[in-house]
Amino acid sequence: MGRTRFMVVKAKELIKTAVFAVLGVIILVGLIAFFLNMGKHDGAYRDGTYYEEMQLGEETAEIAVTIAEGRIAEVSMEEATEAVAVFYPLLAEVTETVGQAVIENQSAEIAVESENPHSAQAILDAVAACLEQAER
């Protein structure tokens, strides 16, 4: 009878060891998968094109920010009416300048140029709103 009891204790230890071994393997596989997937999402943003309207007096212009591979790829002005082009002739140029700075820094937190501070700040605010939409 002592022998049977001895086998039950061994079976419990064997089962306990097997359970811990399986848990260890699961944890190890999970950690490996986690660290392998970490490098795949280098960018801070989801890919796509995001839009934000910018108020210019009584008119509006739409700023588009395109994200590719998690990085800011393009900043452009979309759907500007003819009135915007007439009343704000430098807006397209300022959008291009600000857009290049945003792409270089990969952030909307850049220094505003002194020539057109109000237009540049309005564009940066619209870009920041687009980037908030694109955040992971």
C-alpha atoms as a PDB file:
ATOM      1  CA  MET A   1       0.000   0.000   0.000  1.00  0.00           C
ATOM      2  CA  GLY A   2       2.885   2.384   0.692  1.00  0.00           C
ATOM      3  CA  ARG A   3       4.060   1.798  -2.814  1.00  0.00           C
ATOM      4  CA  THR A   4       0.746   2.981  -4.326  1.00  0.00           C
ATOM      5  CA  ARG A   5       0.871   6.135  -2.279  1.00  0.00           C
ATOM      6  CA  PHE A   6       4.418   6.747  -3.446  1.00  0.00           C
ATOM      7  CA  MET A   7       3.274   6.521  -7.109  1.00  0.00           C
ATOM      8  CA  VAL A   8       0.444   9.031  -6.525  1.00  0.00           C
ATOM      9  CA  VAL A   9       2.892  11.565  -5.131  1.00  0.00           C
ATOM     10  CA  LYS A  10       5.193  11.047  -8.121  1.00  0.00           C
ATOM     11  CA  ALA A  11       2.274  11.432 -10.552  1.00  0.00           C
ATOM     12  CA  LYS A  12       1.271  14.740  -8.917  1.00  0.00           C
ATOM     13  CA  GLU A  13       4.823  16.024  -9.163  1.00  0.00           C
ATOM     14  CA  LEU A  14       5.032  14.903 -12.772  1.00  0.00           C
ATOM     15  CA  ILE A  15       1.762  16.669 -13.637  1.00  0.00           C
ATOM     16  CA  LYS A  16       2.837  19.811 -11.787  1.00  0.00           C
ATOM     17  CA  THR A  17       6.183  19.836 -13.606  1.00  0.00           C
ATOM     18  CA  ALA A  18       4.471  19.330 -16.977  1.00  0.00           C
ATOM     19  CA  VAL A  19       2.042  22.200 -16.301  1.00  0.00           C
ATOM     20  CA  PHE A  20       4.882  24.561 -15.360  1.00  0.00           C
ATOM     21  CA  ALA A  21       6.881  23.473 -18.407  1.00  0.00           C
ATOM     22  CA  VAL A  22       3.921  24.184 -20.707  1.00  0.00           C
ATOM     23  CA  LEU A  23       3.352  27.582 -19.059  1.00  0.00           C
ATOM     24  CA  GLY A  24       7.049  28.377 -19.435  1.00  0.00           C
ATOM     25  CA  VAL A  25       6.967  27.522 -23.135  1.00  0.00           C
ATOM     26  CA  ILE A  26       3.833  29.652 -23.653  1.00  0.00           C
ATOM     27  CA  ILE A  27       5.424  32.629 -21.898  1.00  0.00           C
ATOM     28  CA  LEU A  28       8.644  32.205 -23.870  1.00  0.00           C
ATOM     29  CA  VAL A  29       6.795  32.041 -27.205  1.00  0.00           C
ATOM     30  CA  GLY A  30       4.732  35.092 -26.227  1.00  0.00           C
ATOM     31  CA  LEU A  31       7.823  37.120 -25.359  1.00  0.00           C
ATOM     32  CA  ILE A  32       9.560  36.152 -28.585  1.00  0.00           C
ATOM     33  CA  ALA A  33       6.487  37.095 -30.640  1.00  0.00           C
ATOM     34  CA  PHE A  34       6.167  40.400 -28.778  1.00  0.00           C
ATOM     35  CA  PHE A  35       9.762  41.432 -29.386  1.00  0.00           C
ATOM     36  CA  LEU A  36       9.705  40.340 -33.031  1.00  0.00           C
ATOM     37  CA  ASN A  37       6.575  42.426 -33.697  1.00  0.00           C
ATOM     38  CA  MET A  38       7.975  45.472 -31.924  1.00  0.00           C
ATOM     39  CA  GLY A  39      10.202  46.424 -34.839  1.00  0.00           C
ATOM     40  CA  LYS A  40       7.424  46.248 -37.412  1.00  0.00           C
ATOM     41  CA  HIS A  41       5.670  49.427 -36.220  1.00  0.00           C
ATOM     42  CA  ASP A  42       8.473  51.985 -36.261  1.00  0.00           C
ATOM     43  CA  GLY A  43       6.202  54.932 -37.010  1.00  0.00           C
ATOM     44  CA  ALA A  44       4.016  56.658 -34.516  1.00  0.00           C
ATOM     45  CA  TYR A  45       1.089  57.103 -36.901  1.00  0.00           C
ATOM     46  CA  ARG A  46      -1.376  54.916 -38.820  1.00  0.00           C
ATOM     47  CA  ASP A  47      -0.993  55.023 -42.595  1.00  0.00           C
ATOM     48  CA  GLY A  48      -3.557  57.027 -44.538  1.00  0.00           C
ATOM     49  CA  THR A  49      -4.535  60.574 -45.462  1.00  0.00           C
ATOM     50  CA  TYR A  50      -6.110  62.761 -42.787  1.00  0.00           C
ATOM     51  CA  TYR A  51      -7.966  66.030 -43.377  1.00  0.00           C
ATOM     52  CA  GLU A  52      -8.681  69.079 -41.245  1.00  0.00           C
ATOM     53  CA  GLU A  53     -10.497  72.272 -42.199  1.00  0.00           C
ATOM     54  CA  MET A  54      -8.710  75.532 -41.541  1.00  0.00           C
ATOM     55  CA  GLN A  55     -10.834  78.655 -41.008  1.00  0.00           C
ATOM     56  CA  LEU A  56      -9.615  81.725 -42.918  1.00  0.00           C
ATOM     57  CA  GLY A  57     -11.983  84.542 -42.115  1.00  0.00           C
ATOM     58  CA  GLU A  58     -15.232  83.580 -43.828  1.00  0.00           C
ATOM     59  CA  GLU A  59     -13.528  81.027 -46.085  1.00  0.00           C
ATOM     60  CA  THR A  60     -12.133  77.585 -45.314  1.00  0.00           C
ATOM     61  CA  ALA A  61      -9.262  75.581 -46.717  1.00  0.00           C
ATOM     62  CA  GLU A  62      -8.594  71.927 -46.109  1.00  0.00           C
ATOM     63  CA  ILE A  63      -5.182  70.677 -45.013  1.00  0.00           C
ATOM     64  CA  ALA A  64      -4.299  67.074 -45.866  1.00  0.00           C
ATOM     65  CA  VAL A  65      -1.567  65.101 -44.107  1.00  0.00           C
ATOM     66  CA  THR A  66      -0.513  61.820 -45.700  1.00  0.00           C
ATOM     67  CA  ILE A  67       1.119  59.157 -43.533  1.00  0.00           C
ATOM     68  CA  ALA A  68       3.106  56.362 -45.194  1.00  0.00           C
ATOM     69  CA  GLU A  69       4.886  53.589 -43.281  1.00  0.00           C
ATOM     70  CA  GLY A  70       4.071  55.329 -40.004  1.00  0.00           C
ATOM     71  CA  ARG A  71       5.813  58.569 -40.982  1.00  0.00           C
ATOM     72  CA  ILE A  72       4.588  61.937 -42.249  1.00  0.00           C
ATOM     73  CA  ALA A  73       5.024  61.797 -46.026  1.00  0.00           C
ATOM     74  CA  GLU A  74       3.142  64.842 -47.319  1.00  0.00           C
ATOM     75  CA  VAL A  75       1.385  67.987 -46.132  1.00  0.00           C
ATOM     76  CA  SER A  76      -0.784  69.760 -48.688  1.00  0.00           C
ATOM     77  CA  MET A  77      -3.680  72.165 -49.033  1.00  0.00           C
ATOM     78  CA  GLU A  78      -6.785  70.640 -50.605  1.00  0.00           C
ATOM     79  CA  GLU A  79     -10.017  72.173 -51.877  1.00  0.00           C
ATOM     80  CA  ALA A  80      -9.059  75.815 -51.519  1.00  0.00           C
ATOM     81  CA  THR A  81     -11.646  78.014 -53.209  1.00  0.00           C
ATOM     82  CA  GLU A  82     -10.771  80.763 -55.650  1.00  0.00           C
ATOM     83  CA  ALA A  83     -11.615  83.301 -52.949  1.00  0.00           C
ATOM     84  CA  VAL A  84      -8.935  81.783 -50.706  1.00  0.00           C
ATOM     85  CA  ALA A  85      -6.386  82.084 -53.518  1.00  0.00           C
ATOM     86  CA  VAL A  86      -7.344  85.746 -54.058  1.00  0.00           C
ATOM     87  CA  PHE A  87      -7.495  86.844 -50.414  1.00  0.00           C
ATOM     88  CA  TYR A  88      -4.579  84.696 -49.197  1.00  0.00           C
ATOM     89  CA  PRO A  89      -2.131  84.567 -52.119  1.00  0.00           C
ATOM     90  CA  LEU A  90       0.832  83.338 -50.047  1.00  0.00           C
ATOM     91  CA  LEU A  91      -1.084  80.539 -48.346  1.00  0.00           C
ATOM     92  CA  ALA A  92       0.003  77.861 -50.838  1.00  0.00           C
ATOM     93  CA  GLU A  93       3.655  78.882 -50.459  1.00  0.00           C
ATOM     94  CA  VAL A  94       3.408  78.952 -46.656  1.00  0.00           C
ATOM     95  CA  THR A  95       1.707  75.538 -46.704  1.00  0.00           C
ATOM     96  CA  GLU A  96       4.569  74.121 -48.763  1.00  0.00           C
ATOM     97  CA  THR A  97       7.225  75.656 -46.485  1.00  0.00           C
ATOM     98  CA  VAL A  98       5.513  74.533 -43.287  1.00  0.00           C
ATOM     99  CA  GLY A  99       4.830  71.121 -44.822  1.00  0.00           C
ATOM    100  CA  GLN A 100       8.513  70.584 -45.610  1.00  0.00           C
ATOM    101  CA  ALA A 101       9.478  71.541 -42.045  1.00  0.00           C
ATOM    102  CA  VAL A 102       6.857  69.170 -40.607  1.00  0.00           C
ATOM    103  CA  ILE A 103       8.099  66.324 -42.823  1.00  0.00           C
ATOM    104  CA  GLU A 104      11.732  66.961 -41.842  1.00  0.00           C
ATOM    105  CA  ASN A 105      10.930  67.056 -38.109  1.00  0.00           C
ATOM    106  CA  GLN A 106       8.156  64.421 -38.247  1.00  0.00           C
ATOM    107  CA  SER A 107       6.240  66.657 -35.859  1.00  0.00           C
ATOM    108  CA  ALA A 108       3.935  69.678 -35.888  1.00  0.00           C
ATOM    109  CA  GLU A 109       6.046  71.257 -33.167  1.00  0.00           C
ATOM    110  CA  ILE A 110       8.250  73.515 -35.258  1.00  0.00           C
ATOM    111  CA  ALA A 111       9.240  77.166 -35.034  1.00  0.00           C
ATOM    112  CA  VAL A 112       6.855  79.467 -36.915  1.00  0.00           C
ATOM    113  CA  GLU A 113       8.525  81.695 -39.486  1.00  0.00           C
ATOM    114  CA  SER A 114       8.328  85.430 -38.900  1.00  0.00           C
ATOM    115  CA  GLU A 115       7.091  86.404 -42.413  1.00  0.00           C
ATOM    116  CA  ASN A 116       3.619  84.830 -42.130  1.00  0.00           C
ATOM    117  CA  PRO A 117       3.167  83.806 -38.505  1.00  0.00           C
ATOM    118  CA  HIS A 118      -0.648  83.709 -38.473  1.00  0.00           C
ATOM    119  CA  SER A 119      -0.984  81.609 -41.628  1.00  0.00           C
ATOM    120  CA  ALA A 120       1.819  79.285 -40.557  1.00  0.00           C
ATOM    121  CA  GLN A 121       0.304  78.809 -37.101  1.00  0.00           C
ATOM    122  CA  ALA A 122      -3.132  78.075 -38.586  1.00  0.00           C
ATOM    123  CA  ILE A 123      -1.560  75.449 -40.862  1.00  0.00           C
ATOM    124  CA  LEU A 124       0.384  73.936 -37.953  1.00  0.00           C
ATOM    125  CA  ASP A 125      -2.800  73.736 -35.886  1.00  0.00           C
ATOM    126  CA  ALA A 126      -4.547  71.903 -38.733  1.00  0.00           C
ATOM    127  CA  VAL A 127      -1.549  69.567 -39.155  1.00  0.00           C
ATOM    128  CA  ALA A 128      -1.544  68.862 -35.410  1.00  0.00           C
ATOM    129  CA  ALA A 129      -5.258  67.977 -35.576  1.00  0.00           C
ATOM    130  CA  CYS A 130      -4.558  65.604 -38.489  1.00  0.00           C
ATOM    131  CA  LEU A 131      -1.721  63.973 -36.559  1.00  0.00           C
ATOM    132  CA  GLU A 132      -4.011  63.467 -33.559  1.00  0.00           C
ATOM    133  CA  GLN A 133      -6.381  61.563 -35.855  1.00  0.00           C
ATOM    134  CA  ALA A 134      -3.474  59.446 -37.120  1.00  0.00           C
ATOM    135  CA  GLU A 135      -1.995  58.520 -33.730  1.00  0.00           C
ATOM    136  CA  ARG A 136      -1.811  54.822 -32.950  1.00  0.00           C
END
